[in-house]
């Protein structure tokens, strides 16, 4: 695990976008899993700019969904996939066959979990997993207490996640469950990037990097990954 601190969130996003572009130069058919959220969205914008200027090519890569609120999809404003489609897939005209996302409106969510597990397995694992961190230490929608050995699964959302998640919606929205990649997927990914910015994430980053590795604080698993990067800005610096 390697920690790197950037001057600000813009420099962080630019570096992450260039890292993805370099990966795609080495492996154009890479399998990527990118979180949505405030910090990754800036990375999407930077990656779009690189692609549109001819410095990145996303024509052959595959995208796997990280997580989604149960009952929502890409056309629902505030959904996890909404921002990926709006800020990355649509601007770059990513083909539908390149995208494998959870159908969180499906009647059989267990089958959806198996479907995404199979996609990842058949592609030899994730080449790059980019994630953020929740205020309670969750990674994707793996809430405190989630077994590290889980693959895709449906999770019951913690109250903190439900409350913080309201920021993505224009009006109060009922949230109760999520469908998500598991932490075993993180451990099996070839490379992991954990991004965080802002003062409010400083304490959870400190706990993730320096606290005990425990299922009660899912992000602590990052300490065990052999090829993990933790990239933060100075506002998030843990001292």
Protein backbone atom coordinates (compact mmCIF):
# COMPACT_ATOMS: atom_id res chain seq x y z
CA UNK A 1 0.00 0.00 0.00
CA UNK A 2 1.40 3.37 -1.02
CA UNK A 3 0.10 6.76 0.23
CA UNK A 4 0.43 9.88 -1.91
CA UNK A 5 -0.78 13.37 -1.05
CA UNK A 6 -1.76 15.86 -3.77
CA UNK A 7 -1.97 19.66 -3.44
CA UNK A 8 -5.72 19.73 -4.06
CA UNK A 9 -8.64 17.68 -5.34
CA UNK A 10 -8.06 18.84 -8.92
CA UNK A 11 -4.48 17.57 -8.96
CA UNK A 12 -5.71 14.31 -7.42
CA UNK A 13 -8.35 13.86 -10.13
CA UNK A 14 -5.93 14.70 -12.93
CA UNK A 15 -3.37 12.18 -11.68
CA UNK A 16 -5.99 9.45 -11.37
CA UNK A 17 -7.22 10.10 -14.91
CA UNK A 18 -3.69 9.93 -16.30
CA UNK A 19 -3.04 6.72 -14.40
CA UNK A 20 -6.11 5.15 -16.02
CA UNK A 21 -5.02 6.43 -19.44
CA UNK A 22 -1.56 4.90 -19.00
CA UNK A 23 -3.09 1.57 -18.00
CA UNK A 24 -5.20 1.59 -21.16
CA UNK A 25 -2.10 2.30 -23.24
CA UNK A 26 -0.48 -0.82 -21.79
CA UNK A 27 -3.64 -2.91 -21.85
CA UNK A 28 -6.35 -1.46 -24.13
CA UNK A 29 -8.83 -4.22 -23.21
CA UNK A 30 -8.48 -3.71 -19.46
CA UNK A 31 -11.41 -4.30 -17.12
CA UNK A 32 -12.14 -1.23 -15.02
CA UNK A 33 -14.42 -0.69 -12.04
CA UNK A 34 -14.84 2.95 -11.10
CA UNK A 35 -16.78 4.30 -8.15
CA UNK A 36 -19.16 7.20 -8.52
CA UNK A 37 -19.25 10.02 -5.95
CA UNK A 38 -17.92 13.54 -5.63
CA UNK A 39 -14.18 12.80 -5.90
CA UNK A 40 -14.38 10.26 -8.77
CA UNK A 41 -16.63 12.55 -10.84
CA UNK A 42 -13.73 15.02 -11.18
CA UNK A 43 -11.62 12.09 -12.39
CA UNK A 44 -14.27 11.26 -15.01
CA UNK A 45 -14.14 14.84 -16.31
CA UNK A 46 -10.34 14.71 -16.51
CA UNK A 47 -10.44 11.34 -18.28
CA UNK A 48 -12.98 12.64 -20.81
CA UNK A 49 -10.69 15.60 -21.52
CA UNK A 50 -7.75 13.25 -22.07
CA UNK A 51 -9.77 11.06 -24.42
CA UNK A 52 -11.16 13.98 -26.38
CA UNK A 53 -7.65 15.39 -26.85
CA UNK A 54 -6.35 12.02 -28.07
CA UNK A 55 -4.39 11.15 -24.92
CA UNK A 56 -6.59 8.25 -23.83
CA UNK A 57 -8.47 5.55 -25.70
CA UNK A 58 -11.40 3.80 -24.06
CA UNK A 59 -12.71 2.02 -27.15
CA UNK A 60 -11.72 -1.52 -26.06
CA UNK A 61 -11.94 -1.54 -22.29
CA UNK A 62 -14.72 -3.07 -20.22
CA UNK A 63 -16.51 -1.35 -17.33
CA UNK A 64 -17.96 -3.28 -14.41
CA UNK A 65 -20.35 -1.60 -12.00
CA UNK A 66 -19.22 -1.16 -8.42
CA UNK A 67 -22.56 -0.73 -6.66
CA UNK A 68 -26.09 0.63 -6.92
CA UNK A 69 -29.01 1.60 -4.71
CA UNK A 70 -31.56 -1.21 -4.93
CA UNK A 71 -34.51 -0.11 -7.07
CA UNK A 72 -32.57 2.45 -9.12
CA UNK A 73 -30.86 2.55 -12.49
CA UNK A 74 -28.90 4.83 -14.83
CA UNK A 75 -31.89 7.04 -15.68
CA UNK A 76 -32.69 7.73 -12.01
CA UNK A 77 -30.97 10.95 -10.98
CA UNK A 78 -28.91 10.27 -7.87
CA UNK A 79 -28.26 6.62 -8.65
CA UNK A 80 -24.66 5.44 -8.61
CA UNK A 81 -24.72 4.60 -12.32
CA UNK A 82 -26.42 7.89 -13.25
CA UNK A 83 -23.21 9.85 -12.76
CA UNK A 84 -21.07 7.37 -14.66
CA UNK A 85 -23.40 7.48 -17.64
CA UNK A 86 -23.76 11.25 -17.49
CA UNK A 87 -20.14 12.18 -16.87
CA UNK A 88 -18.16 9.39 -18.54
CA UNK A 89 -20.05 6.95 -20.73
CA UNK A 90 -22.24 9.44 -22.61
CA UNK A 91 -19.53 12.03 -23.37
CA UNK A 92 -17.21 9.32 -24.71
CA UNK A 93 -19.97 7.34 -26.43
CA UNK A 94 -18.98 4.15 -24.64
CA UNK A 95 -20.74 1.25 -26.36
CA UNK A 96 -23.38 -0.68 -24.38
CA UNK A 97 -21.48 -3.94 -24.81
CA UNK A 98 -18.54 -2.42 -22.92
CA UNK A 99 -20.67 -1.82 -19.82
CA UNK A 100 -21.67 -4.47 -17.28
CA UNK A 101 -23.69 -2.86 -14.49
CA UNK A 102 -26.00 -4.23 -11.86
CA UNK A 103 -29.69 -4.15 -12.74
CA UNK A 104 -30.76 -3.02 -9.29
CA UNK A 105 -34.41 -3.12 -10.39
CA UNK A 106 -34.25 -6.85 -11.17
CA UNK A 107 -36.67 -9.16 -9.39
CA UNK A 108 -33.84 -11.65 -8.75
CA UNK A 109 -30.98 -9.67 -7.22
CA UNK A 110 -29.10 -12.85 -6.30
CA UNK A 111 -28.98 -13.72 -10.02
CA UNK A 112 -27.63 -10.23 -10.71
CA UNK A 113 -24.88 -10.85 -8.19
CA UNK A 114 -23.98 -14.13 -9.88
CA UNK A 115 -24.04 -12.45 -13.31
CA UNK A 116 -21.53 -9.77 -12.33
CA UNK A 117 -19.36 -12.31 -10.48
CA UNK A 118 -19.23 -14.31 -13.71
CA UNK A 119 -18.31 -11.28 -15.84
CA UNK A 120 -15.39 -10.49 -13.55
CA UNK A 121 -14.26 -14.12 -13.36
CA UNK A 122 -14.42 -14.62 -17.13
CA UNK A 123 -12.30 -11.52 -17.70
CA UNK A 124 -9.63 -12.71 -15.29
CA UNK A 125 -10.45 -10.25 -12.53
CA UNK A 126 -10.48 -6.48 -12.39
CA UNK A 127 -7.39 -4.77 -13.77
CA UNK A 128 -8.18 -1.60 -11.85
CA UNK A 129 -10.63 -0.89 -9.05
CA UNK A 130 -11.07 2.77 -8.08
CA UNK A 131 -13.02 3.36 -4.88
CA UNK A 132 -13.86 6.04 -2.37
CA UNK A 133 -14.45 5.67 1.35
CA UNK A 134 -17.57 6.26 3.41
CA UNK A 135 -17.66 8.13 6.71
CA UNK A 136 -18.26 4.82 8.49
CA UNK A 137 -15.41 3.15 6.59
CA UNK A 138 -17.53 1.45 3.96
CA UNK A 139 -16.06 0.58 0.58
CA UNK A 140 -18.64 0.45 -2.22
CA UNK A 141 -21.77 -0.59 -0.27
CA UNK A 142 -19.90 -3.01 1.95
CA UNK A 143 -21.07 -1.73 5.32
CA UNK A 144 -19.36 -2.35 8.68
CA UNK A 145 -19.58 -6.02 9.57
CA UNK A 146 -19.48 -7.26 5.96
CA UNK A 147 -17.28 -10.36 5.64
CA UNK A 148 -14.04 -9.71 3.79
CA UNK A 149 -14.68 -12.92 1.81
CA UNK A 150 -17.90 -11.73 0.15
CA UNK A 151 -18.21 -11.46 -3.60
CA UNK A 152 -21.22 -9.61 -5.08
CA UNK A 153 -24.08 -9.36 -2.62
CA UNK A 154 -27.06 -7.32 -1.46
CA UNK A 155 -26.37 -5.19 1.60
CA UNK A 156 -28.57 -3.53 4.17
CA UNK A 157 -27.54 0.11 4.31
CA UNK A 158 -26.29 1.68 7.51
CA UNK A 159 -28.05 4.80 8.77
CA UNK A 160 -24.91 6.86 8.07
CA UNK A 161 -24.92 5.76 4.44
CA UNK A 162 -28.63 6.52 4.06
CA UNK A 163 -28.17 9.99 5.55
CA UNK A 164 -25.05 10.91 3.57
CA UNK A 165 -26.53 9.40 0.40
CA UNK A 166 -29.28 12.03 0.37
CA UNK A 167 -26.78 14.54 -1.04
CA UNK A 168 -27.06 12.86 -4.43
CA UNK A 169 -30.81 13.47 -4.67
CA UNK A 170 -32.81 16.65 -5.19
CA UNK A 171 -35.42 15.59 -2.62
CA UNK A 172 -35.56 13.14 0.32
CA UNK A 173 -35.25 9.61 -1.06
CA UNK A 174 -35.97 6.31 0.63
CA UNK A 175 -32.88 4.09 0.65
CA UNK A 176 -32.65 0.75 2.40
CA UNK A 177 -30.45 -1.70 0.45
CA UNK A 178 -27.63 -1.73 -2.04
CA UNK A 179 -26.19 -4.26 -4.47
CA UNK A 180 -22.44 -4.23 -4.56
CA UNK A 181 -19.16 -5.89 -5.43
CA UNK A 182 -17.69 -7.60 -2.40
CA UNK A 183 -14.42 -7.01 -0.62
CA UNK A 184 -13.05 -10.28 -2.00
CA UNK A 185 -13.27 -8.64 -5.43
CA UNK A 186 -11.14 -5.81 -4.07
CA UNK A 187 -8.52 -8.22 -2.78
CA UNK A 188 -8.42 -10.06 -6.11
CA UNK A 189 -8.20 -6.89 -8.24
CA UNK A 190 -4.82 -6.46 -9.89
CA UNK A 191 -4.60 -2.86 -8.70
CA UNK A 192 -6.68 -0.77 -6.29
CA UNK A 193 -6.87 3.01 -5.90
CA UNK A 194 -8.56 4.48 -2.85
CA UNK A 195 -9.27 8.20 -3.32
CA UNK A 196 -10.40 10.73 -0.74
CA UNK A 197 -10.45 14.51 -0.48
CA UNK A 198 -11.50 17.07 2.09
CA UNK A 199 -11.11 17.45 5.84
CA UNK A 200 -14.15 15.34 6.68
CA UNK A 201 -12.45 12.24 5.27
CA UNK A 202 -9.19 12.71 7.18
CA UNK A 203 -10.20 10.67 10.23
CA UNK A 204 -11.59 7.73 8.26
CA UNK A 205 -8.44 7.66 6.11
CA UNK A 206 -6.33 7.65 9.28
CA UNK A 207 -8.33 4.72 10.64
CA UNK A 208 -8.22 2.85 7.33
CA UNK A 209 -4.44 3.13 7.07
CA UNK A 210 -3.34 2.96 10.69
CA UNK A 211 -6.12 1.20 12.58
CA UNK A 212 -6.68 -2.53 13.02
CA UNK A 213 -7.73 -4.55 10.00
CA UNK A 214 -11.26 -5.50 10.90
CA UNK A 215 -14.56 -6.22 9.18
CA UNK A 216 -16.10 -3.58 11.43
CA UNK A 217 -14.16 -1.00 9.37
CA UNK A 218 -14.22 -2.36 5.82
CA UNK A 219 -11.73 0.12 4.34
CA UNK A 220 -9.03 -1.26 6.62
CA UNK A 221 -8.70 -4.18 4.19
CA UNK A 222 -6.71 -1.83 1.94
CA UNK A 223 -3.73 -2.49 4.23
CA UNK A 224 -3.67 -6.09 3.02
CA UNK A 225 -3.73 -5.46 -0.73
CA UNK A 226 -0.31 -5.93 -2.38
CA UNK A 227 -0.89 -3.34 -5.11
CA UNK A 228 -2.96 -0.60 -3.50
CA UNK A 229 -2.60 3.16 -3.81
CA UNK A 230 -4.18 5.60 -1.39
CA UNK A 231 -4.40 9.05 -2.99
CA UNK A 232 -5.63 12.02 -0.98
CA UNK A 233 -5.42 15.80 -1.10
CA UNK A 234 -3.79 18.01 1.54
CA UNK A 235 -7.13 18.80 3.16
CA UNK A 236 -7.49 15.08 3.87
CA UNK A 237 -3.92 14.66 5.10
CA UNK A 238 -3.67 12.57 8.25
CA UNK A 239 -0.39 14.01 9.57
